[in-house]
């Protein structure tokens, strides 16, 4: 049975009269790569803020590693690394920026250098003394992930880590996500607008719409939804006649394959 490392129970959050989260229920199991899906304004980033304690919820409960009280949550949140935007000093190098954040995170000085080199190696970033302002978008994102990895967290949260990247940059981020889960045992929660990419990265998915997680599904669920066989024929009526004569019932006719994107749009409406 899967162990829940993170649970959100009926989380509600409003800003003035605007209800952003309307009762979010969500469970992430230890070792998951969990994909959080939703359009802009659906509530994904606010969910991350509730998990991280960056904003107070109006009601509901967050549980991290089984803890829900403030003292234990504070301790367990120290083992959550996160990338929610890339906030770095533009005139500092990658190593200098990481040294600053490692100090804030309380990583001892005698261990700091090795830890900085470890996380830079994981994300394959060695920019020497180049300042952050000269980094490409892909380098900026990799440094953001390296920062999130400082201290070897149990849970890694990545908010749109592939946003604006080219295909190679997207593939690099995908490989890094899989590596930290497989080699370091981290649980990863990642949001993305690129559903096709997320489909090849995550094990489980939470679909957010209008402030609610409307469905949580697994890769196996997607396979079940896509358990149709596509056969190209030159005479559909004759093919149906032959199938039914052979005892094969034609349940429905479709003209497309079921993907994560298809599932998402069938669930919340809209389309390509």
C-alpha atoms as a PDB file:
ATOM      1  CA  UNK A   1       0.000   0.000   0.000  1.00  0.00           C
ATOM      2  CA  UNK A   2       1.323   3.465  -0.939  1.00  0.00           C
ATOM      3  CA  UNK A   3       2.384   5.780   1.886  1.00  0.00           C
ATOM      4  CA  UNK A   4       1.062   9.328   1.758  1.00  0.00           C
ATOM      5  CA  UNK A   5       3.878  11.833   2.271  1.00  0.00           C
ATOM      6  CA  UNK A   6       1.643  14.840   1.604  1.00  0.00           C
ATOM      7  CA  UNK A   7      -2.096  15.366   2.029  1.00  0.00           C
ATOM      8  CA  UNK A   8      -4.337  18.371   1.606  1.00  0.00           C
ATOM      9  CA  UNK A   9      -7.727  18.104   3.257  1.00  0.00           C
ATOM     10  CA  UNK A  10     -10.468  20.548   2.176  1.00  0.00           C
ATOM     11  CA  UNK A  11      -8.087  23.493   1.771  1.00  0.00           C
ATOM     12  CA  UNK A  12      -9.835  26.816   1.146  1.00  0.00           C
ATOM     13  CA  UNK A  13      -8.179  30.111   0.345  1.00  0.00           C
ATOM     14  CA  UNK A  14      -9.672  33.480  -0.557  1.00  0.00           C
ATOM     15  CA  UNK A  15      -8.180  36.848  -1.388  1.00  0.00           C
ATOM     16  CA  UNK A  16     -10.865  39.324  -0.411  1.00  0.00           C
ATOM     17  CA  UNK A  17     -14.054  38.205  -2.121  1.00  0.00           C
ATOM     18  CA  UNK A  18     -12.201  36.026  -4.637  1.00  0.00           C
ATOM     19  CA  UNK A  19     -12.212  32.316  -3.780  1.00  0.00           C
ATOM     20  CA  UNK A  20      -8.992  30.838  -5.193  1.00  0.00           C
ATOM     21  CA  UNK A  21      -9.159  27.391  -3.566  1.00  0.00           C
ATOM     22  CA  UNK A  22     -12.623  26.014  -2.861  1.00  0.00           C
ATOM     23  CA  UNK A  23     -11.904  22.836  -0.919  1.00  0.00           C
ATOM     24  CA  UNK A  24      -8.811  21.141  -2.323  1.00  0.00           C
ATOM     25  CA  UNK A  25      -8.276  17.473  -1.490  1.00  0.00           C
ATOM     26  CA  UNK A  26      -5.041  15.977  -2.730  1.00  0.00           C
ATOM     27  CA  UNK A  27      -2.702  13.107  -1.846  1.00  0.00           C
ATOM     28  CA  UNK A  28       0.893  12.609  -2.954  1.00  0.00           C
ATOM     29  CA  UNK A  29       2.484   9.255  -2.161  1.00  0.00           C
ATOM     30  CA  UNK A  30       6.116   8.763  -1.199  1.00  0.00           C
ATOM     31  CA  UNK A  31       8.205   8.261  -4.337  1.00  0.00           C
ATOM     32  CA  UNK A  32       5.616   9.777  -6.680  1.00  0.00           C
ATOM     33  CA  UNK A  33       6.347  12.049  -9.552  1.00  0.00           C
ATOM     34  CA  UNK A  34       3.036  13.866  -9.242  1.00  0.00           C
ATOM     35  CA  UNK A  35       1.905  16.114 -12.083  1.00  0.00           C
ATOM     36  CA  UNK A  36      -0.362  19.030 -11.180  1.00  0.00           C
ATOM     37  CA  UNK A  37      -2.410  20.095 -14.195  1.00  0.00           C
ATOM     38  CA  UNK A  38      -4.589  23.143 -14.698  1.00  0.00           C
ATOM     39  CA  UNK A  39      -4.961  26.276 -16.756  1.00  0.00           C
ATOM     40  CA  UNK A  40      -3.718  29.697 -15.606  1.00  0.00           C
ATOM     41  CA  UNK A  41      -5.681  30.825 -12.561  1.00  0.00           C
ATOM     42  CA  UNK A  42      -6.870  27.327 -11.683  1.00  0.00           C
ATOM     43  CA  UNK A  43      -5.070  27.466  -8.318  1.00  0.00           C
ATOM     44  CA  UNK A  44      -1.851  25.463  -8.869  1.00  0.00           C
ATOM     45  CA  UNK A  45       0.596  28.039  -7.507  1.00  0.00           C
ATOM     46  CA  UNK A  46      -1.701  28.780  -4.560  1.00  0.00           C
ATOM     47  CA  UNK A  47      -1.744  25.066  -3.731  1.00  0.00           C
ATOM     48  CA  UNK A  48       2.057  25.155  -3.653  1.00  0.00           C
ATOM     49  CA  UNK A  49       1.968  28.173  -1.336  1.00  0.00           C
ATOM     50  CA  UNK A  50      -0.350  26.318   1.053  1.00  0.00           C
ATOM     51  CA  UNK A  51       2.016  23.330   1.108  1.00  0.00           C
ATOM     52  CA  UNK A  52       5.033  25.548   1.738  1.00  0.00           C
ATOM     53  CA  UNK A  53       3.310  27.718   4.333  1.00  0.00           C
ATOM     54  CA  UNK A  54       3.962  30.860   2.264  1.00  0.00           C
ATOM     55  CA  UNK A  55       0.340  31.945   2.668  1.00  0.00           C
ATOM     56  CA  UNK A  56      -2.254  31.268   5.347  1.00  0.00           C
ATOM     57  CA  UNK A  57      -5.209  29.098   4.372  1.00  0.00           C
ATOM     58  CA  UNK A  58      -8.723  30.113   5.403  1.00  0.00           C
ATOM     59  CA  UNK A  59      -9.606  26.574   6.429  1.00  0.00           C
ATOM     60  CA  UNK A  60      -8.554  22.972   5.930  1.00  0.00           C
ATOM     61  CA  UNK A  61      -5.485  20.976   6.868  1.00  0.00           C
ATOM     62  CA  UNK A  62      -2.058  20.244   5.389  1.00  0.00           C
ATOM     63  CA  UNK A  63      -0.242  17.073   6.400  1.00  0.00           C
ATOM     64  CA  UNK A  64       3.439  16.512   5.583  1.00  0.00           C
ATOM     65  CA  UNK A  65       4.915  13.136   6.552  1.00  0.00           C
ATOM     66  CA  UNK A  66       1.921  12.586   8.840  1.00  0.00           C
ATOM     67  CA  UNK A  67       2.298  15.864  10.751  1.00  0.00           C
ATOM     68  CA  UNK A  68      -0.370  18.558  10.883  1.00  0.00           C
ATOM     69  CA  UNK A  69       0.460  20.782  13.873  1.00  0.00           C
ATOM     70  CA  UNK A  70       2.408  24.004  13.330  1.00  0.00           C
ATOM     71  CA  UNK A  71       5.609  22.954  15.112  1.00  0.00           C
ATOM     72  CA  UNK A  72       5.947  19.652  13.254  1.00  0.00           C
ATOM     73  CA  UNK A  73       4.911  21.203   9.928  1.00  0.00           C
ATOM     74  CA  UNK A  74       7.643  23.828  10.308  1.00  0.00           C
ATOM     75  CA  UNK A  75      10.199  21.062  10.801  1.00  0.00           C
ATOM     76  CA  UNK A  76       8.923  18.956   7.914  1.00  0.00           C
ATOM     77  CA  UNK A  77       8.679  21.931   5.567  1.00  0.00           C
ATOM     78  CA  UNK A  78      12.433  22.354   6.008  1.00  0.00           C
ATOM     79  CA  UNK A  79      12.714  19.101   4.013  1.00  0.00           C
ATOM     80  CA  UNK A  80      10.723  20.496   1.089  1.00  0.00           C
ATOM     81  CA  UNK A  81      12.722  22.038  -1.751  1.00  0.00           C
ATOM     82  CA  UNK A  82      10.905  24.263  -4.199  1.00  0.00           C
ATOM     83  CA  UNK A  83      11.218  26.131  -7.468  1.00  0.00           C
ATOM     84  CA  UNK A  84       8.536  28.782  -7.722  1.00  0.00           C
ATOM     85  CA  UNK A  85      10.183  31.318 -10.030  1.00  0.00           C
ATOM     86  CA  UNK A  86      13.937  31.981 -10.209  1.00  0.00           C
ATOM     87  CA  UNK A  87      14.965  34.671  -7.725  1.00  0.00           C
ATOM     88  CA  UNK A  88      18.729  35.178  -7.903  1.00  0.00           C
ATOM     89  CA  UNK A  89      21.197  38.034  -7.698  1.00  0.00           C
ATOM     90  CA  UNK A  90      21.892  38.914 -11.322  1.00  0.00           C
ATOM     91  CA  UNK A  91      25.507  39.989 -10.721  1.00  0.00           C
ATOM     92  CA  UNK A  92      26.513  36.793  -8.869  1.00  0.00           C
ATOM     93  CA  UNK A  93      27.674  33.491 -10.342  1.00  0.00           C
ATOM     94  CA  UNK A  94      25.779  30.220  -9.906  1.00  0.00           C
ATOM     95  CA  UNK A  95      28.033  29.141  -7.051  1.00  0.00           C
ATOM     96  CA  UNK A  96      27.834  32.505  -5.293  1.00  0.00           C
ATOM     97  CA  UNK A  97      24.041  32.511  -5.516  1.00  0.00           C
ATOM     98  CA  UNK A  98      23.881  28.966  -4.157  1.00  0.00           C
ATOM     99  CA  UNK A  99      26.270  29.877  -1.344  1.00  0.00           C
ATOM    100  CA  UNK A 100      23.890  32.660  -0.310  1.00  0.00           C
ATOM    101  CA  UNK A 101      20.870  30.318  -0.251  1.00  0.00           C
ATOM    102  CA  UNK A 102      22.815  27.486   1.400  1.00  0.00           C
ATOM    103  CA  UNK A 103      23.661  29.896   4.223  1.00  0.00           C
ATOM    104  CA  UNK A 104      19.982  30.822   4.615  1.00  0.00           C
ATOM    105  CA  UNK A 105      19.076  27.113   4.687  1.00  0.00           C
ATOM    106  CA  UNK A 106      21.570  26.525   7.499  1.00  0.00           C
ATOM    107  CA  UNK A 107      23.928  24.212   5.639  1.00  0.00           C
ATOM    108  CA  UNK A 108      27.181  24.165   7.655  1.00  0.00           C
ATOM    109  CA  UNK A 109      30.162  25.953   6.119  1.00  0.00           C
ATOM    110  CA  UNK A 110      32.364  22.853   6.093  1.00  0.00           C
ATOM    111  CA  UNK A 111      29.744  20.971   4.063  1.00  0.00           C
ATOM    112  CA  UNK A 112      28.582  23.853   1.877  1.00  0.00           C
ATOM    113  CA  UNK A 113      31.147  23.627  -0.926  1.00  0.00           C
ATOM    114  CA  UNK A 114      30.569  19.904  -1.456  1.00  0.00           C
ATOM    115  CA  UNK A 115      26.799  20.372  -1.358  1.00  0.00           C
ATOM    116  CA  UNK A 116      26.919  23.161  -3.945  1.00  0.00           C
ATOM    117  CA  UNK A 117      29.047  21.039  -6.273  1.00  0.00           C
ATOM    118  CA  UNK A 118      26.717  18.073  -5.753  1.00  0.00           C
ATOM    119  CA  UNK A 119      23.563  19.919  -6.819  1.00  0.00           C
ATOM    120  CA  UNK A 120      25.290  21.626  -9.773  1.00  0.00           C
ATOM    121  CA  UNK A 121      26.392  18.200 -10.985  1.00  0.00           C
ATOM    122  CA  UNK A 122      22.851  16.823 -10.687  1.00  0.00           C
ATOM    123  CA  UNK A 123      21.473  19.570 -12.958  1.00  0.00           C
ATOM    124  CA  UNK A 124      24.571  19.546 -15.211  1.00  0.00           C
ATOM    125  CA  UNK A 125      25.385  23.220 -14.733  1.00  0.00           C
ATOM    126  CA  UNK A 126      28.961  24.493 -14.633  1.00  0.00           C
ATOM    127  CA  UNK A 127      28.944  28.145 -15.631  1.00  0.00           C
ATOM    128  CA  UNK A 128      32.193  29.128 -13.940  1.00  0.00           C
ATOM    129  CA  UNK A 129      32.211  32.773 -12.886  1.00  0.00           C
ATOM    130  CA  UNK A 130      29.579  33.948 -15.389  1.00  0.00           C
ATOM    131  CA  UNK A 131      26.965  36.165 -13.701  1.00  0.00           C
ATOM    132  CA  UNK A 132      23.350  35.016 -13.568  1.00  0.00           C
ATOM    133  CA  UNK A 133      22.263  37.868 -15.867  1.00  0.00           C
ATOM    134  CA  UNK A 134      24.175  36.198 -18.728  1.00  0.00           C
ATOM    135  CA  UNK A 135      22.434  32.813 -18.273  1.00  0.00           C
ATOM    136  CA  UNK A 136      20.098  31.373 -20.873  1.00  0.00           C
ATOM    137  CA  UNK A 137      16.569  30.535 -19.725  1.00  0.00           C
ATOM    138  CA  UNK A 138      17.504  26.864 -19.515  1.00  0.00           C
ATOM    139  CA  UNK A 139      20.505  27.649 -17.306  1.00  0.00           C
ATOM    140  CA  UNK A 140      18.326  29.826 -15.076  1.00  0.00           C
ATOM    141  CA  UNK A 141      15.835  26.981 -14.625  1.00  0.00           C
ATOM    142  CA  UNK A 142      18.593  24.475 -13.883  1.00  0.00           C
ATOM    143  CA  UNK A 143      20.068  26.796 -11.256  1.00  0.00           C
ATOM    144  CA  UNK A 144      16.595  27.136  -9.746  1.00  0.00           C
ATOM    145  CA  UNK A 145      16.327  23.364  -9.484  1.00  0.00           C
ATOM    146  CA  UNK A 146      19.840  23.137  -8.041  1.00  0.00           C
ATOM    147  CA  UNK A 147      18.804  25.633  -5.361  1.00  0.00           C
ATOM    148  CA  UNK A 148      15.699  23.562  -4.600  1.00  0.00           C
ATOM    149  CA  UNK A 149      17.921  20.481  -4.211  1.00  0.00           C
ATOM    150  CA  UNK A 150      20.199  22.048  -1.593  1.00  0.00           C
ATOM    151  CA  UNK A 151      20.024  20.026   1.603  1.00  0.00           C
ATOM    152  CA  UNK A 152      18.699  16.907  -0.170  1.00  0.00           C
ATOM    153  CA  UNK A 153      14.966  17.457   0.519  1.00  0.00           C
ATOM    154  CA  UNK A 154      12.428  14.659   0.826  1.00  0.00           C
ATOM    155  CA  UNK A 155       9.911  16.509  -1.363  1.00  0.00           C
ATOM    156  CA  UNK A 156      10.742  18.621  -4.416  1.00  0.00           C
ATOM    157  CA  UNK A 157       8.158  21.114  -5.766  1.00  0.00           C
ATOM    158  CA  UNK A 158       8.687  22.499  -9.271  1.00  0.00           C
ATOM    159  CA  UNK A 159       6.264  25.130 -10.574  1.00  0.00           C
ATOM    160  CA  UNK A 160       6.405  25.248 -14.405  1.00  0.00           C
ATOM    161  CA  UNK A 161      10.100  24.224 -14.636  1.00  0.00           C
ATOM    162  CA  UNK A 162       9.948  23.807 -18.441  1.00  0.00           C
ATOM    163  CA  UNK A 163       8.133  27.070 -19.191  1.00  0.00           C
ATOM    164  CA  UNK A 164       9.692  28.739 -22.250  1.00  0.00           C
ATOM    165  CA  UNK A 165      12.339  26.080 -22.837  1.00  0.00           C
ATOM    166  CA  UNK A 166      13.255  24.522 -26.168  1.00  0.00           C
ATOM    167  CA  UNK A 167      12.791  20.744 -26.732  1.00  0.00           C
ATOM    168  CA  UNK A 168      16.319  19.913 -25.526  1.00  0.00           C
ATOM    169  CA  UNK A 169      15.865  22.011 -22.381  1.00  0.00           C
ATOM    170  CA  UNK A 170      12.551  20.279 -21.677  1.00  0.00           C
ATOM    171  CA  UNK A 171      14.167  16.856 -22.095  1.00  0.00           C
ATOM    172  CA  UNK A 172      17.004  17.857 -19.730  1.00  0.00           C
ATOM    173  CA  UNK A 173      14.526  18.899 -17.020  1.00  0.00           C
ATOM    174  CA  UNK A 174      12.521  15.701 -17.496  1.00  0.00           C
ATOM    175  CA  UNK A 175      15.640  13.571 -17.091  1.00  0.00           C
ATOM    176  CA  UNK A 176      16.661  15.505 -13.970  1.00  0.00           C
ATOM    177  CA  UNK A 177      13.224  14.981 -12.401  1.00  0.00           C
ATOM    178  CA  UNK A 178      13.369  11.243 -13.020  1.00  0.00           C
ATOM    179  CA  UNK A 179      16.935  11.057 -11.759  1.00  0.00           C
ATOM    180  CA  UNK A 180      16.294  12.720  -8.390  1.00  0.00           C
ATOM    181  CA  UNK A 181      13.358  10.368  -7.813  1.00  0.00           C
ATOM    182  CA  UNK A 182      15.151   7.208  -8.921  1.00  0.00           C
ATOM    183  CA  UNK A 183      18.622   7.906  -7.471  1.00  0.00           C
ATOM    184  CA  UNK A 184      17.798  10.036  -4.428  1.00  0.00           C
ATOM    185  CA  UNK A 185      14.346   8.729  -3.512  1.00  0.00           C
ATOM    186  CA  UNK A 186      12.701  12.152  -3.649  1.00  0.00           C
ATOM    187  CA  UNK A 187       9.014  12.724  -4.106  1.00  0.00           C
ATOM    188  CA  UNK A 188       8.496  15.281  -6.864  1.00  0.00           C
ATOM    189  CA  UNK A 189       5.466  17.490  -7.501  1.00  0.00           C
ATOM    190  CA  UNK A 190       5.613  19.300 -10.830  1.00  0.00           C
ATOM    191  CA  UNK A 191       3.192  21.570 -12.652  1.00  0.00           C
ATOM    192  CA  UNK A 192       3.302  22.194 -16.379  1.00  0.00           C
ATOM    193  CA  UNK A 193       1.235  23.566 -19.233  1.00  0.00           C
ATOM    194  CA  UNK A 194       2.870  21.029 -21.565  1.00  0.00           C
ATOM    195  CA  UNK A 195       0.580  18.075 -20.947  1.00  0.00           C
ATOM    196  CA  UNK A 196       2.249  15.839 -23.494  1.00  0.00           C
ATOM    197  CA  UNK A 197       5.574  16.277 -21.712  1.00  0.00           C
ATOM    198  CA  UNK A 198       4.049  15.784 -18.268  1.00  0.00           C
ATOM    199  CA  UNK A 199       2.439  12.575 -19.483  1.00  0.00           C
ATOM    200  CA  UNK A 200       5.943  11.177 -20.122  1.00  0.00           C
ATOM    201  CA  UNK A 201       7.301  12.398 -16.766  1.00  0.00           C
ATOM    202  CA  UNK A 202       4.749  11.829 -13.980  1.00  0.00           C
ATOM    203  CA  UNK A 203       3.312   8.637 -12.430  1.00  0.00           C
ATOM    204  CA  UNK A 204       0.193  10.284 -11.022  1.00  0.00           C
ATOM    205  CA  UNK A 205      -1.741  13.406 -11.938  1.00  0.00           C
ATOM    206  CA  UNK A 206      -3.981  15.854 -10.122  1.00  0.00           C
ATOM    207  CA  UNK A 207      -6.287  17.862 -12.364  1.00  0.00           C
ATOM    208  CA  UNK A 208      -7.122  21.312 -10.963  1.00  0.00           C
ATOM    209  CA  UNK A 209     -10.051  23.340 -12.227  1.00  0.00           C
ATOM    210  CA  UNK A 210     -11.592  26.454 -10.701  1.00  0.00           C
ATOM    211  CA  UNK A 211      -9.953  25.960  -7.320  1.00  0.00           C
ATOM    212  CA  UNK A 212     -10.661  22.243  -6.885  1.00  0.00           C
ATOM    213  CA  UNK A 213      -8.690  19.082  -7.631  1.00  0.00           C
ATOM    214  CA  UNK A 214     -11.434  17.477  -9.691  1.00  0.00           C
ATOM    215  CA  UNK A 215      -9.657  14.171 -10.301  1.00  0.00           C
ATOM    216  CA  UNK A 216      -6.499  12.273  -9.377  1.00  0.00           C
ATOM    217  CA  UNK A 217      -5.431   9.591 -11.859  1.00  0.00           C
ATOM    218  CA  UNK A 218      -2.479   7.298 -12.501  1.00  0.00           C
ATOM    219  CA  UNK A 219      -0.666   6.239 -15.655  1.00  0.00           C
ATOM    220  CA  UNK A 220      -2.617   2.969 -15.424  1.00  0.00           C
ATOM    221  CA  UNK A 221      -5.878   4.921 -15.444  1.00  0.00           C
ATOM    222  CA  UNK A 222      -4.780   6.601 -18.668  1.00  0.00           C
ATOM    223  CA  UNK A 223      -3.991   3.234 -20.210  1.00  0.00           C
ATOM    224  CA  UNK A 224      -7.440   1.939 -19.286  1.00  0.00           C
ATOM    225  CA  UNK A 225      -9.024   5.010 -20.855  1.00  0.00           C
ATOM    226  CA  UNK A 226      -6.978   4.370 -23.982  1.00  0.00           C
ATOM    227  CA  UNK A 227      -7.730   0.664 -24.329  1.00  0.00           C
ATOM    228  CA  UNK A 228      -9.124   1.011 -27.817  1.00  0.00           C
ATOM    229  CA  UNK A 229      -7.536  -0.357 -30.976  1.00  0.00           C
ATOM    230  CA  UNK A 230      -7.338   1.838 -34.034  1.00  0.00           C
ATOM    231  CA  UNK A 231      -7.780  -0.041 -37.325  1.00  0.00           C
ATOM    232  CA  UNK A 232      -7.747   1.688 -40.688  1.00  0.00           C
ATOM    233  CA  UNK A 233     -10.123   0.125 -43.215  1.00  0.00           C
ATOM    234  CA  UNK A 234     -11.593   1.145 -46.543  1.00  0.00           C
ATOM    235  CA  UNK A 235     -15.152   0.070 -45.651  1.00  0.00           C
ATOM    236  CA  UNK A 236     -16.259   0.842 -42.091  1.00  0.00           C
ATOM    237  CA  UNK A 237     -19.739  -0.655 -42.498  1.00  0.00           C
ATOM    238  CA  UNK A 238     -18.315  -3.946 -43.796  1.00  0.00           C
ATOM    239  CA  UNK A 239     -15.700  -4.040 -41.025  1.00  0.00           C
ATOM    240  CA  UNK A 240     -18.384  -3.570 -38.346  1.00  0.00           C
ATOM    241  CA  UNK A 241     -20.491  -6.296 -39.950  1.00  0.00           C
ATOM    242  CA  UNK A 242     -17.593  -8.753 -39.928  1.00  0.00           C
ATOM    243  CA  UNK A 243     -16.603  -7.930 -36.335  1.00  0.00           C
ATOM    244  CA  UNK A 244     -20.130  -8.403 -35.026  1.00  0.00           C
ATOM    245  CA  UNK A 245     -20.520 -11.614 -37.020  1.00  0.00           C
ATOM    246  CA  UNK A 246     -17.411 -12.878 -35.247  1.00  0.00           C
ATOM    247  CA  UNK A 247     -18.835 -12.018 -31.812  1.00  0.00           C
ATOM    248  CA  UNK A 248     -16.908  -8.770 -31.345  1.00  0.00           C
ATOM    249  CA  UNK A 249     -19.225  -5.958 -30.283  1.00  0.00           C
ATOM    250  CA  UNK A 250     -18.394  -2.475 -31.570  1.00  0.00           C
ATOM    251  CA  UNK A 251     -18.971  -0.220 -28.568  1.00  0.00           C
ATOM    252  CA  UNK A 252     -18.151   3.110 -30.162  1.00  0.00           C
ATOM    253  CA  UNK A 253     -16.240   4.714 -32.989  1.00  0.00           C
ATOM    254  CA  UNK A 254     -13.462   7.202 -32.235  1.00  0.00           C
ATOM    255  CA  UNK A 255     -11.211   9.235 -34.462  1.00  0.00           C
ATOM    256  CA  UNK A 256      -8.404  10.041 -32.001  1.00  0.00           C
ATOM    257  CA  UNK A 257      -6.196   8.396 -29.388  1.00  0.00           C
ATOM    258  CA  UNK A 258      -6.677   9.030 -25.696  1.00  0.00           C
ATOM    259  CA  UNK A 259      -3.846  11.071 -24.180  1.00  0.00           C
ATOM    260  CA  UNK A 260      -3.469  13.041 -20.962  1.00  0.00           C
ATOM    261  CA  UNK A 261      -4.492  16.129 -22.915  1.00  0.00           C
ATOM    262  CA  UNK A 262      -7.593  14.354 -24.243  1.00  0.00           C
ATOM    263  CA  UNK A 263      -8.512  13.188 -20.737  1.00  0.00           C
ATOM    264  CA  UNK A 264      -8.027  16.707 -19.351  1.00  0.00           C
ATOM    265  CA  UNK A 265     -10.281  18.371 -21.912  1.00  0.00           C
ATOM    266  CA  UNK A 266     -12.968  15.692 -21.629  1.00  0.00           C
ATOM    267  CA  UNK A 267     -13.014  16.272 -17.882  1.00  0.00           C
ATOM    268  CA  UNK A 268     -13.042  20.073 -17.705  1.00  0.00           C
ATOM    269  CA  UNK A 269     -14.368  20.976 -21.141  1.00  0.00           C
ATOM    270  CA  UNK A 270     -12.759  23.023 -23.859  1.00  0.00           C
ATOM    271  CA  UNK A 271     -10.398  21.664 -26.439  1.00  0.00           C
ATOM    272  CA  UNK A 272      -7.465  22.238 -28.673  1.00  0.00           C
END
